[in-house]
Amino acid sequence: MRHKGKSAPELGQLRIIGGSHRGRKLTFPALDGVRPTPDRVRETLFNWLMPIFPGPRCLDVFCGSGALGLEALSRGAADVTFIDQSPVITSHLKSQIQLLRADNASVANADALSWLRAASPDKPWEVVFLDPPFRKEFLAPALQILAERQLLATNAYVYIEAEVELNPLPLPPGWTISRHKTAGQVQYALCQVRQPD
């Protein structure tokens, strides 16, 4: 009987639910705190985003399993940048992107807040997925950096997943919630960004 070493974490499975890779099953390291956005929530989110797909430039911060960014790739995102501080997660995610033959995706192994502070994209992002670890005080600073550094396109959308008790969401001035729902102990919202003049 063979025992898995510490370098081989258990793998979870997620399914792409729409687009060119619909039905494709991918894996992710089932580490503590890594919780893919459920299928039903993802379906709702991408129904909300349908008017701007295909085509937007996307950023998946605190990407974890990569479920949101992978779904965006399948549905025709122009490109997707994935950020996570776990080398196990980012290494595995690169292998899953290769399986999809997606040459319009990039993965950075970095502390998300530090990466955002230093980011200088060629063009601003049009969709950002923000699903940080719950109750760790990451959401507010991430939103603040996105707003202050003008990393977002005019009228960009920012998707937020957070613990349900975080009320109100710590939105920067001028941002509005266009859609909002709860599922159990999780709330999820799509915000539209109004850039200051």
C-alpha atoms as a PDB file:
ATOM      1  CA  MET A   1       0.000   0.000   0.000  1.00  0.00           C
ATOM      2  CA  ARG A   2       1.439   3.326  -1.065  1.00  0.00           C
ATOM      3  CA  HIS A   3       1.122   6.400   1.092  1.00  0.00           C
ATOM      4  CA  LYS A   4       0.925   9.835  -0.406  1.00  0.00           C
ATOM      5  CA  GLY A   5       3.694  12.132   0.689  1.00  0.00           C
ATOM      6  CA  LYS A   6       3.088  15.591   2.064  1.00  0.00           C
ATOM      7  CA  SER A   7       3.916  17.017  -1.362  1.00  0.00           C
ATOM      8  CA  ALA A   8       0.802  15.431  -2.861  1.00  0.00           C
ATOM      9  CA  PRO A   9      -2.317  17.018  -1.343  1.00  0.00           C
ATOM     10  CA  GLU A  10      -5.737  15.514  -1.891  1.00  0.00           C
ATOM     11  CA  LEU A  11      -7.420  16.817  -5.031  1.00  0.00           C
ATOM     12  CA  GLY A  12     -10.926  18.204  -5.230  1.00  0.00           C
ATOM     13  CA  GLN A  13     -12.905  18.468  -8.444  1.00  0.00           C
ATOM     14  CA  LEU A  14     -14.783  21.285 -10.122  1.00  0.00           C
ATOM     15  CA  ARG A  15     -16.807  21.390 -13.308  1.00  0.00           C
ATOM     16  CA  ILE A  16     -16.918  24.109 -15.946  1.00  0.00           C
ATOM     17  CA  ILE A  17     -20.607  24.910 -16.355  1.00  0.00           C
ATOM     18  CA  GLY A  18     -20.741  27.010 -19.512  1.00  0.00           C
ATOM     19  CA  GLY A  19     -18.936  28.064 -22.668  1.00  0.00           C
ATOM     20  CA  SER A  20     -16.477  26.188 -24.886  1.00  0.00           C
ATOM     21  CA  HIS A  21     -15.333  23.866 -22.068  1.00  0.00           C
ATOM     22  CA  ARG A  22     -18.804  23.219 -20.661  1.00  0.00           C
ATOM     23  CA  GLY A  23     -18.934  19.956 -18.690  1.00  0.00           C
ATOM     24  CA  ARG A  24     -15.139  19.687 -18.453  1.00  0.00           C
ATOM     25  CA  LYS A  25     -13.965  18.444 -15.054  1.00  0.00           C
ATOM     26  CA  LEU A  26     -10.811  19.925 -13.551  1.00  0.00           C
ATOM     27  CA  THR A  27      -9.008  19.364 -10.265  1.00  0.00           C
ATOM     28  CA  PHE A  28      -7.570  21.584  -7.546  1.00  0.00           C
ATOM     29  CA  PRO A  29      -5.568  20.989  -4.346  1.00  0.00           C
ATOM     30  CA  ALA A  30      -8.088  20.542  -1.513  1.00  0.00           C
ATOM     31  CA  LEU A  31      -6.207  22.702   0.976  1.00  0.00           C
ATOM     32  CA  ASP A  32      -7.748  24.304   4.073  1.00  0.00           C
ATOM     33  CA  GLY A  33      -9.811  27.327   3.113  1.00  0.00           C
ATOM     34  CA  VAL A  34      -9.966  26.497  -0.604  1.00  0.00           C
ATOM     35  CA  ARG A  35     -13.666  26.427  -1.462  1.00  0.00           C
ATOM     36  CA  PRO A  36     -14.682  26.693  -5.112  1.00  0.00           C
ATOM     37  CA  THR A  37     -17.643  28.932  -5.801  1.00  0.00           C
ATOM     38  CA  PRO A  38     -20.592  26.499  -6.081  1.00  0.00           C
ATOM     39  CA  ASP A  39     -22.002  25.706  -9.526  1.00  0.00           C
ATOM     40  CA  ARG A  40     -25.299  27.450  -8.853  1.00  0.00           C
ATOM     41  CA  VAL A  41     -23.614  30.641  -7.664  1.00  0.00           C
ATOM     42  CA  ARG A  42     -21.248  30.604 -10.653  1.00  0.00           C
ATOM     43  CA  GLU A  43     -24.178  30.160 -13.009  1.00  0.00           C
ATOM     44  CA  THR A  44     -25.954  33.133 -11.428  1.00  0.00           C
ATOM     45  CA  LEU A  45     -22.825  35.285 -11.605  1.00  0.00           C
ATOM     46  CA  PHE A  46     -22.176  34.581 -15.269  1.00  0.00           C
ATOM     47  CA  ASN A  47     -25.835  35.189 -16.092  1.00  0.00           C
ATOM     48  CA  TRP A  48     -25.327  38.633 -14.531  1.00  0.00           C
ATOM     49  CA  LEU A  49     -22.172  39.138 -16.601  1.00  0.00           C
ATOM     50  CA  MET A  50     -23.653  37.786 -19.846  1.00  0.00           C
ATOM     51  CA  PRO A  51     -24.006  41.250 -21.480  1.00  0.00           C
ATOM     52  CA  ILE A  52     -20.220  41.773 -21.450  1.00  0.00           C
ATOM     53  CA  PHE A  53     -19.119  38.246 -22.429  1.00  0.00           C
ATOM     54  CA  PRO A  54     -17.273  37.272 -24.538  1.00  0.00           C
ATOM     55  CA  GLY A  55     -14.386  39.718 -24.515  1.00  0.00           C
ATOM     56  CA  PRO A  56     -13.576  41.230 -21.104  1.00  0.00           C
ATOM     57  CA  ARG A  57     -10.145  41.258 -19.481  1.00  0.00           C
ATOM     58  CA  CYS A  58     -10.458  39.475 -16.110  1.00  0.00           C
ATOM     59  CA  LEU A  59      -8.507  39.297 -12.870  1.00  0.00           C
ATOM     60  CA  ASP A  60      -9.065  36.466 -10.362  1.00  0.00           C
ATOM     61  CA  VAL A  61      -7.586  37.596  -7.030  1.00  0.00           C
ATOM     62  CA  PHE A  62      -7.224  35.065  -4.159  1.00  0.00           C
ATOM     63  CA  CYS A  63      -8.061  32.586  -6.936  1.00  0.00           C
ATOM     64  CA  GLY A  64      -7.876  29.347  -4.900  1.00  0.00           C
ATOM     65  CA  SER A  65      -9.323  26.593  -7.091  1.00  0.00           C
ATOM     66  CA  GLY A  66      -9.460  29.026 -10.006  1.00  0.00           C
ATOM     67  CA  ALA A  67     -13.139  28.184 -10.608  1.00  0.00           C
ATOM     68  CA  LEU A  68     -14.184  31.758 -11.449  1.00  0.00           C
ATOM     69  CA  GLY A  69     -11.300  32.559 -13.773  1.00  0.00           C
ATOM     70  CA  LEU A  70     -11.493  29.161 -15.480  1.00  0.00           C
ATOM     71  CA  GLU A  71     -15.199  29.682 -16.071  1.00  0.00           C
ATOM     72  CA  ALA A  72     -14.426  33.121 -17.538  1.00  0.00           C
ATOM     73  CA  LEU A  73     -11.863  31.561 -19.907  1.00  0.00           C
ATOM     74  CA  SER A  74     -14.421  29.006 -21.068  1.00  0.00           C
ATOM     75  CA  ARG A  75     -16.950  31.757 -21.742  1.00  0.00           C
ATOM     76  CA  GLY A  76     -14.640  33.847 -23.899  1.00  0.00           C
ATOM     77  CA  ALA A  77     -12.668  36.220 -21.671  1.00  0.00           C
ATOM     78  CA  ALA A  78     -10.002  38.076 -23.634  1.00  0.00           C
ATOM     79  CA  ASP A  79      -7.518  37.066 -20.957  1.00  0.00           C
ATOM     80  CA  VAL A  80      -7.490  36.062 -17.288  1.00  0.00           C
ATOM     81  CA  THR A  81      -4.822  36.719 -14.655  1.00  0.00           C
ATOM     82  CA  PHE A  82      -4.890  34.430 -11.603  1.00  0.00           C
ATOM     83  CA  ILE A  83      -3.271  35.419  -8.283  1.00  0.00           C
ATOM     84  CA  ASP A  84      -2.714  33.214  -5.235  1.00  0.00           C
ATOM     85  CA  GLN A  85      -0.033  33.044  -2.560  1.00  0.00           C
ATOM     86  CA  SER A  86       0.031  29.233  -2.359  1.00  0.00           C
ATOM     87  CA  PRO A  87       2.706  27.721  -4.631  1.00  0.00           C
ATOM     88  CA  VAL A  88       0.846  24.399  -4.510  1.00  0.00           C
ATOM     89  CA  ILE A  89      -2.302  26.049  -5.852  1.00  0.00           C
ATOM     90  CA  THR A  90      -0.617  28.137  -8.545  1.00  0.00           C
ATOM     91  CA  SER A  91       1.529  25.245  -9.793  1.00  0.00           C
ATOM     92  CA  HIS A  92      -1.526  22.984 -10.102  1.00  0.00           C
ATOM     93  CA  LEU A  93      -3.589  25.734 -11.712  1.00  0.00           C
ATOM     94  CA  LYS A  94      -0.967  26.145 -14.437  1.00  0.00           C
ATOM     95  CA  SER A  95      -1.344  22.452 -15.266  1.00  0.00           C
ATOM     96  CA  GLN A  96      -5.136  22.788 -15.513  1.00  0.00           C
ATOM     97  CA  ILE A  97      -4.811  25.809 -17.806  1.00  0.00           C
ATOM     98  CA  GLN A  98      -2.496  23.765 -20.036  1.00  0.00           C
ATOM     99  CA  LEU A  99      -5.175  21.057 -20.211  1.00  0.00           C
ATOM    100  CA  LEU A 100      -7.570  23.696 -21.537  1.00  0.00           C
ATOM    101  CA  ARG A 101      -4.890  24.933 -23.963  1.00  0.00           C
ATOM    102  CA  ALA A 102      -5.648  28.470 -22.829  1.00  0.00           C
ATOM    103  CA  ASP A 103      -2.784  30.674 -23.984  1.00  0.00           C
ATOM    104  CA  ASN A 104      -4.609  33.799 -22.791  1.00  0.00           C
ATOM    105  CA  ALA A 105      -4.183  33.020 -19.071  1.00  0.00           C
ATOM    106  CA  SER A 106      -1.369  33.870 -16.668  1.00  0.00           C
ATOM    107  CA  VAL A 107      -0.779  32.770 -13.080  1.00  0.00           C
ATOM    108  CA  ALA A 108       1.162  34.660 -10.407  1.00  0.00           C
ATOM    109  CA  ASN A 109       2.278  33.092  -7.128  1.00  0.00           C
ATOM    110  CA  ALA A 110       2.185  36.136  -4.879  1.00  0.00           C
ATOM    111  CA  ASP A 111       0.601  37.805  -1.888  1.00  0.00           C
ATOM    112  CA  ALA A 112      -2.526  39.283  -3.457  1.00  0.00           C
ATOM    113  CA  LEU A 113      -2.426  42.684  -1.745  1.00  0.00           C
ATOM    114  CA  SER A 114       1.276  43.186  -2.480  1.00  0.00           C
ATOM    115  CA  TRP A 115       0.731  42.122  -6.077  1.00  0.00           C
ATOM    116  CA  LEU A 116      -2.154  44.585  -6.514  1.00  0.00           C
ATOM    117  CA  ARG A 117      -0.069  47.418  -5.054  1.00  0.00           C
ATOM    118  CA  ALA A 118       2.648  46.765  -7.642  1.00  0.00           C
ATOM    119  CA  ALA A 119       0.478  45.829 -10.646  1.00  0.00           C
ATOM    120  CA  SER A 120       0.828  47.825 -13.860  1.00  0.00           C
ATOM    121  CA  PRO A 121      -1.369  46.157 -16.482  1.00  0.00           C
ATOM    122  CA  ASP A 122      -1.112  47.139 -20.142  1.00  0.00           C
ATOM    123  CA  LYS A 123      -4.845  47.795 -20.089  1.00  0.00           C
ATOM    124  CA  PRO A 124      -7.232  48.101 -17.131  1.00  0.00           C
ATOM    125  CA  TRP A 125      -9.310  45.108 -16.059  1.00  0.00           C
ATOM    126  CA  GLU A 126     -12.996  44.999 -16.901  1.00  0.00           C
ATOM    127  CA  VAL A 127     -14.005  42.195 -14.505  1.00  0.00           C
ATOM    128  CA  VAL A 128     -12.393  41.363 -11.154  1.00  0.00           C
ATOM    129  CA  PHE A 129     -13.278  38.335  -9.037  1.00  0.00           C
ATOM    130  CA  LEU A 130     -12.628  38.881  -5.311  1.00  0.00           C
ATOM    131  CA  ASP A 131     -13.170  35.839  -3.094  1.00  0.00           C
ATOM    132  CA  PRO A 132     -10.658  36.256  -0.244  1.00  0.00           C
ATOM    133  CA  PRO A 133     -10.391  33.973   2.805  1.00  0.00           C
ATOM    134  CA  PHE A 134     -13.276  34.843   5.103  1.00  0.00           C
ATOM    135  CA  ARG A 135     -12.833  36.847   8.317  1.00  0.00           C
ATOM    136  CA  LYS A 136      -9.213  37.721   7.508  1.00  0.00           C
ATOM    137  CA  GLU A 137      -9.615  41.442   6.764  1.00  0.00           C
ATOM    138  CA  PHE A 138      -8.447  41.113   3.149  1.00  0.00           C
ATOM    139  CA  LEU A 139     -11.516  42.409   1.324  1.00  0.00           C
ATOM    140  CA  ALA A 140     -11.491  46.092   2.331  1.00  0.00           C
ATOM    141  CA  PRO A 141      -7.805  46.721   1.513  1.00  0.00           C
ATOM    142  CA  ALA A 142      -8.120  44.861  -1.792  1.00  0.00           C
ATOM    143  CA  LEU A 143     -11.077  47.021  -2.819  1.00  0.00           C
ATOM    144  CA  GLN A 144      -9.265  50.171  -1.707  1.00  0.00           C
ATOM    145  CA  ILE A 145      -6.162  49.327  -3.760  1.00  0.00           C
ATOM    146  CA  LEU A 146      -8.261  48.565  -6.848  1.00  0.00           C
ATOM    147  CA  ALA A 147     -10.004  51.928  -6.515  1.00  0.00           C
ATOM    148  CA  GLU A 148      -6.983  54.065  -5.656  1.00  0.00           C
ATOM    149  CA  ARG A 149      -4.577  52.642  -8.237  1.00  0.00           C
ATOM    150  CA  GLN A 150      -7.058  52.964 -11.093  1.00  0.00           C
ATOM    151  CA  LEU A 151      -6.530  49.373 -12.199  1.00  0.00           C
ATOM    152  CA  LEU A 152     -10.110  49.120 -13.445  1.00  0.00           C
ATOM    153  CA  ALA A 153     -11.758  50.114 -16.696  1.00  0.00           C
ATOM    154  CA  THR A 154     -14.556  52.648 -16.725  1.00  0.00           C
ATOM    155  CA  ASN A 155     -17.734  50.885 -15.570  1.00  0.00           C
ATOM    156  CA  ALA A 156     -15.825  47.735 -14.661  1.00  0.00           C
ATOM    157  CA  TYR A 157     -17.494  45.016 -12.624  1.00  0.00           C
ATOM    158  CA  VAL A 158     -16.128  43.610  -9.367  1.00  0.00           C
ATOM    159  CA  TYR A 159     -17.578  40.363  -8.032  1.00  0.00           C
ATOM    160  CA  ILE A 160     -17.326  39.917  -4.258  1.00  0.00           C
ATOM    161  CA  GLU A 161     -17.814  36.762  -2.208  1.00  0.00           C
ATOM    162  CA  ALA A 162     -17.771  37.291   1.559  1.00  0.00           C
ATOM    163  CA  GLU A 163     -19.100  36.076   4.878  1.00  0.00           C
ATOM    164  CA  VAL A 164     -22.774  36.922   5.232  1.00  0.00           C
ATOM    165  CA  GLU A 165     -22.302  38.943   8.424  1.00  0.00           C
ATOM    166  CA  LEU A 166     -20.049  41.509   6.701  1.00  0.00           C
ATOM    167  CA  ASN A 167     -22.629  44.264   6.385  1.00  0.00           C
ATOM    168  CA  PRO A 168     -22.370  46.663   4.722  1.00  0.00           C
ATOM    169  CA  LEU A 169     -19.726  45.577   2.238  1.00  0.00           C
ATOM    170  CA  PRO A 170     -16.719  47.961   2.426  1.00  0.00           C
ATOM    171  CA  LEU A 171     -17.170  49.516  -1.012  1.00  0.00           C
ATOM    172  CA  PRO A 172     -15.091  52.494  -2.166  1.00  0.00           C
ATOM    173  CA  PRO A 173     -16.955  55.765  -2.811  1.00  0.00           C
ATOM    174  CA  GLY A 174     -19.017  55.763  -5.987  1.00  0.00           C
ATOM    175  CA  TRP A 175     -19.226  51.975  -6.333  1.00  0.00           C
ATOM    176  CA  THR A 176     -22.716  50.529  -6.454  1.00  0.00           C
ATOM    177  CA  ILE A 177     -24.062  47.021  -5.907  1.00  0.00           C
ATOM    178  CA  SER A 178     -25.969  46.004  -9.020  1.00  0.00           C
ATOM    179  CA  ARG A 179     -26.789  42.450  -7.874  1.00  0.00           C
ATOM    180  CA  HIS A 180     -26.667  40.774  -4.463  1.00  0.00           C
ATOM    181  CA  LYS A 181     -27.662  37.376  -3.086  1.00  0.00           C
ATOM    182  CA  THR A 182     -26.950  35.104  -0.139  1.00  0.00           C
ATOM    183  CA  ALA A 183     -26.432  31.349  -0.036  1.00  0.00           C
ATOM    184  CA  GLY A 184     -26.200  29.929   3.470  1.00  0.00           C
ATOM    185  CA  GLN A 185     -23.351  31.686   5.299  1.00  0.00           C
ATOM    186  CA  VAL A 186     -22.049  33.358   2.131  1.00  0.00           C
ATOM    187  CA  GLN A 187     -23.092  36.561   0.404  1.00  0.00           C
ATOM    188  CA  TYR A 188     -22.140  37.375  -3.139  1.00  0.00           C
ATOM    189  CA  ALA A 189     -22.478  40.640  -4.990  1.00  0.00           C
ATOM    190  CA  LEU A 190     -21.695  42.186  -8.344  1.00  0.00           C
ATOM    191  CA  CYS A 191     -20.566  45.791  -8.057  1.00  0.00           C
ATOM    192  CA  GLN A 192     -20.282  48.344 -10.808  1.00  0.00           C
ATOM    193  CA  VAL A 193     -17.362  50.700 -10.548  1.00  0.00           C
ATOM    194  CA  ARG A 194     -17.923  54.370 -11.204  1.00  0.00           C
ATOM    195  CA  GLN A 195     -14.518  55.957 -11.606  1.00  0.00           C
ATOM    196  CA  PRO A 196     -14.161  59.428 -10.049  1.00  0.00           C
ATOM    197  CA  ASP A 197     -13.868  62.251 -12.573  1.00  0.00           C
END
